[in-house]
Protein backbone atom coordinates (compact mmCIF):
# COMPACT_ATOMS: atom_id res chain seq x y z
CA UNK A 1 1.94 -13.93 -19.51
CA UNK A 2 0.02 -10.76 -18.77
CA UNK A 3 -3.26 -12.67 -18.51
CA UNK A 4 -1.78 -14.80 -15.72
CA UNK A 5 -0.76 -11.66 -13.81
CA UNK A 6 -4.21 -10.14 -14.35
CA UNK A 7 -5.89 -13.31 -13.07
CA UNK A 8 -3.60 -13.46 -10.04
CA UNK A 9 -4.33 -9.84 -9.09
CA UNK A 10 -8.06 -10.41 -9.47
CA UNK A 11 -7.87 -13.37 -7.07
CA UNK A 12 -5.63 -11.61 -4.53
CA UNK A 13 -7.14 -8.10 -4.80
CA UNK A 14 -10.63 -8.45 -6.33
CA UNK A 15 -12.09 -5.49 -8.19
CA UNK A 16 -15.67 -6.33 -7.25
CA UNK A 17 -15.52 -5.90 -3.46
CA UNK A 18 -15.74 -2.63 -1.49
CA UNK A 19 -12.60 -0.90 -0.17
CA UNK A 20 -12.39 1.91 2.39
CA UNK A 21 -11.01 4.14 -0.36
CA UNK A 22 -14.30 3.74 -2.23
CA UNK A 23 -16.32 4.97 0.75
CA UNK A 24 -14.19 8.07 1.12
CA UNK A 25 -13.71 9.06 -2.53
CA UNK A 26 -16.74 7.34 -4.11
CA UNK A 27 -14.82 6.52 -7.28
CA UNK A 28 -14.87 2.71 -7.12
CA UNK A 29 -11.16 2.26 -7.74
CA UNK A 30 -9.97 1.21 -4.29
CA UNK A 31 -8.70 -2.04 -5.77
CA UNK A 32 -6.45 -0.03 -8.12
CA UNK A 33 -4.73 1.70 -5.19
CA UNK A 34 -4.17 -1.56 -3.32
CA UNK A 35 -2.80 -3.24 -6.46
CA UNK A 36 -0.48 -0.31 -7.09
CA UNK A 37 0.77 -0.47 -3.50
CA UNK A 38 1.51 -4.18 -3.92
CA UNK A 39 3.21 -3.95 -7.32
CA UNK A 40 4.96 -0.60 -6.80
CA UNK A 41 5.10 2.57 -8.85
CA UNK A 42 8.69 2.57 -10.04
CA UNK A 43 11.34 0.29 -11.45
CA UNK A 44 15.14 0.40 -11.57
CA UNK A 45 16.96 -1.49 -14.30
CA UNK A 46 20.73 -1.35 -14.74
CA UNK A 47 22.23 -0.91 -18.20
CA UNK A 48 25.66 -1.24 -19.73
CA UNK A 49 26.72 0.10 -23.10
CA UNK A 50 23.28 1.51 -23.95
CA UNK A 51 21.64 -1.87 -23.33
CA UNK A 52 19.21 -2.73 -20.54
CA UNK A 53 20.31 -5.71 -18.46
CA UNK A 54 17.11 -7.71 -18.64
CA UNK A 55 16.94 -11.47 -18.33
CA UNK A 56 16.14 -13.56 -21.40
CA UNK A 57 12.43 -13.75 -20.55
CA UNK A 58 12.05 -10.40 -18.78
CA UNK A 59 10.17 -7.44 -20.20
CA UNK A 60 9.00 -4.04 -19.06
CA UNK A 61 5.25 -3.46 -18.95
CA UNK A 62 3.05 -0.57 -17.88
CA UNK A 63 0.11 -1.56 -15.68
CA UNK A 64 -2.83 0.78 -15.17
CA UNK A 65 -5.23 -0.61 -12.58
CA UNK A 66 -7.78 2.21 -12.71
CA UNK A 67 -11.42 1.57 -13.56
CA UNK A 68 -11.66 4.38 -16.11
CA UNK A 69 -9.36 5.99 -18.68
CA UNK A 70 -7.11 8.78 -17.41
CA UNK A 71 -4.23 10.72 -18.87
CA UNK A 72 -0.94 9.21 -17.68
CA UNK A 73 2.65 10.33 -17.98
CA UNK A 74 5.50 7.84 -17.94
CA UNK A 75 8.80 9.30 -16.78
CA UNK A 76 12.09 7.76 -17.82
CA UNK A 77 15.11 8.85 -15.83
CA UNK A 78 18.58 7.73 -16.90
CA UNK A 79 21.35 8.05 -14.36
CA UNK A 80 24.92 7.29 -15.23
CA UNK A 81 28.19 8.49 -16.57
């Protein structure tokens, strides 16, 4: 569940403590950068016959850790024959 992931990240990388990033950029989103570094910024999923090879309980989600709304662009790149 997404709530479980959110709770885990808050315990491991709290949003309410100072980070060095915050001192340099003064934007209060240091936790977002650390979370992104832990989770990663890209994903590779194989597919066969126009179908993603996801497990029965797997899903693709977009996580935005920032502390304020920003414009985002998701890029989908399909490589194959």
